[in-house]
Protein backbone atom coordinates (compact mmCIF):
# COMPACT_ATOMS: atom_id res chain seq x y z
CA MET A 1 0.19 0.18 -0.58
CA MET A 2 1.38 3.53 -1.01
CA TRP A 3 1.24 6.26 1.93
CA ALA A 4 -1.02 9.02 0.86
CA HIS A 5 1.27 12.66 0.49
CA SER A 6 1.58 15.98 -1.52
CA GLU A 7 3.98 17.76 -3.15
CA ILE A 8 4.43 21.03 -4.87
CA VAL A 9 5.17 20.41 -8.80
CA ASN A 10 5.66 23.40 -11.02
CA GLY A 11 5.05 25.34 -8.56
CA LEU A 12 1.63 23.64 -7.80
CA PRO A 13 0.38 20.95 -5.07
CA VAL A 14 -0.12 17.77 -5.77
CA GLU A 15 -1.73 15.05 -3.48
CA TYR A 16 -1.23 11.69 -3.74
CA GLY A 17 -3.92 8.91 -1.99
CA TYR A 18 -3.40 5.99 -0.88
CA ASN A 19 -4.07 3.93 -3.47
CA GLY A 20 -1.97 5.71 -6.00
CA THR A 21 -5.06 8.12 -6.95
CA VAL A 22 -3.47 12.11 -8.13
CA PHE A 23 -5.79 14.49 -7.29
CA ASN A 24 -4.28 17.84 -8.76
CA GLU A 25 -7.67 19.99 -8.62
CA LEU A 26 -6.54 24.12 -8.23
CA PHE A 27 -7.84 27.13 -6.52
CA THR A 28 -8.19 27.97 -10.25
CA ASP A 29 -10.75 25.81 -11.36
CA LEU A 30 -13.22 27.51 -8.98
CA SER A 31 -15.49 30.19 -10.30
CA ASP A 32 -14.45 34.28 -10.91
CA ASN A 33 -16.66 34.91 -7.57
CA GLU A 34 -16.15 31.96 -5.05
CA GLN A 35 -12.27 32.86 -5.96
CA GLN A 36 -12.71 36.33 -5.05
CA LYS A 37 -14.38 35.26 -1.64
CA ALA A 38 -11.99 33.07 -0.64
CA LEU A 39 -8.64 35.39 -1.44
CA ASP A 40 -10.85 38.01 0.67
CA TRP A 41 -11.37 35.43 3.69
CA VAL A 42 -7.81 34.92 3.44
CA ALA A 43 -6.33 38.43 3.14
CA THR A 44 -8.70 38.74 6.48
CA TYR A 45 -7.83 35.80 8.80
CA ILE A 46 -4.55 34.31 7.60
CA LYS A 47 -1.66 36.53 8.83
CA PRO A 48 2.06 35.39 8.61
CA ILE A 49 4.44 34.66 11.91
CA LYS A 50 7.35 33.07 11.93
CA SER A 51 6.68 30.26 13.75
CA GLU A 52 4.17 27.13 12.91
CA ASN A 53 1.09 27.02 13.55
CA ARG A 54 0.31 23.54 14.16
CA LYS A 55 -3.56 24.36 15.70
CA HIS A 56 -4.58 23.87 12.21
CA THR A 57 -3.88 22.46 8.42
CA SER A 58 -4.46 22.63 5.51
CA TYR A 59 -7.47 20.37 5.72
CA GLY A 60 -9.10 22.07 8.69
CA LEU A 61 -8.80 25.48 7.33
CA LYS A 62 -10.04 24.71 4.26
CA HIS A 63 -13.28 23.67 6.62
CA LEU A 64 -13.60 27.13 8.46
CA LEU A 65 -13.49 28.79 4.89
CA GLU A 66 -16.08 26.70 3.95
CA HIS A 67 -18.29 27.64 6.94
CA ASP A 68 -17.55 31.29 6.68
CA THR A 69 -17.81 31.70 3.03
CA GLY A 70 -20.19 28.43 1.89
CA ILE A 71 -17.23 27.58 -0.49
CA TYR A 72 -16.62 24.22 -1.01
CA MET A 73 -13.29 23.47 -1.78
CA CYS A 74 -10.94 20.03 -1.55
CA ASN A 75 -7.61 19.95 0.22
CA ASN A 76 -5.67 20.76 -2.59
CA GLN A 77 -7.33 23.72 -3.90
CA PHE A 78 -6.87 25.44 -0.66
CA LYS A 79 -3.39 24.67 -0.47
CA HIS A 80 -3.10 25.88 -3.89
CA LEU A 81 -4.98 29.54 -2.75
CA MET A 82 -2.83 29.44 0.36
CA LEU A 83 0.46 29.33 -2.57
CA ILE A 84 -1.06 31.96 -4.03
CA CYS A 85 -1.11 33.82 -1.19
CA GLY A 86 2.49 33.51 -0.84
CA TYR A 87 2.35 30.85 2.14
CA GLU A 88 4.70 28.19 1.54
CA PRO A 89 3.66 24.70 3.44
CA VAL A 90 6.13 24.13 6.59
CA ARG A 91 6.96 20.98 5.21
CA GLU A 92 5.34 19.98 1.42
CA TYR A 93 5.23 16.24 1.85
CA PRO A 94 2.46 15.79 4.20
CA LEU A 95 -1.34 15.30 2.78
CA ASN A 96 -2.26 18.31 5.37
CA TRP A 97 0.04 20.67 5.66
CA THR A 98 0.65 23.58 8.10
CA PHE A 99 1.90 27.09 7.51
CA ARG A 100 3.72 30.02 9.82
CA ILE A 101 0.38 32.14 10.36
CA SER A 102 -1.14 33.50 13.31
CA GLU A 103 -3.43 31.57 15.53
CA LYS A 104 -4.36 34.83 16.96
CA GLN A 105 -5.86 36.16 13.62
CA LEU A 106 -8.00 33.17 13.20
CA ARG A 107 -9.39 33.24 16.12
CA LYS A 108 -11.37 36.98 15.40
CA ARG A 109 -13.33 34.75 13.17
CA SER A 110 -14.89 33.01 15.66
CA ARG A 111 -16.63 36.24 16.96
CA ARG A 112 -17.97 37.22 14.03
């Protein structure tokens, strides 16, 4: 059995499932309106810091975005969004990425 993982290929995220399935859906596959709403969400709630935030992975963050905006995207699309916004993963090979982002800023979304 293969292990699930991801990597960045030519600047784009790619996920490999346990059975060898390749997931390469991109953020840019979403509608223009969905893209703009997601970009606005990241600009509002995601802020860079120097240390890794281990409380939220790409998978968990995509669910927060969906809860707040109603936009569904797969994990790979969320990773692509973060790359577009200038957030590199701490490590690119785990299936679910972590980032150097502020927990304090994310907590502000719960006060909405």
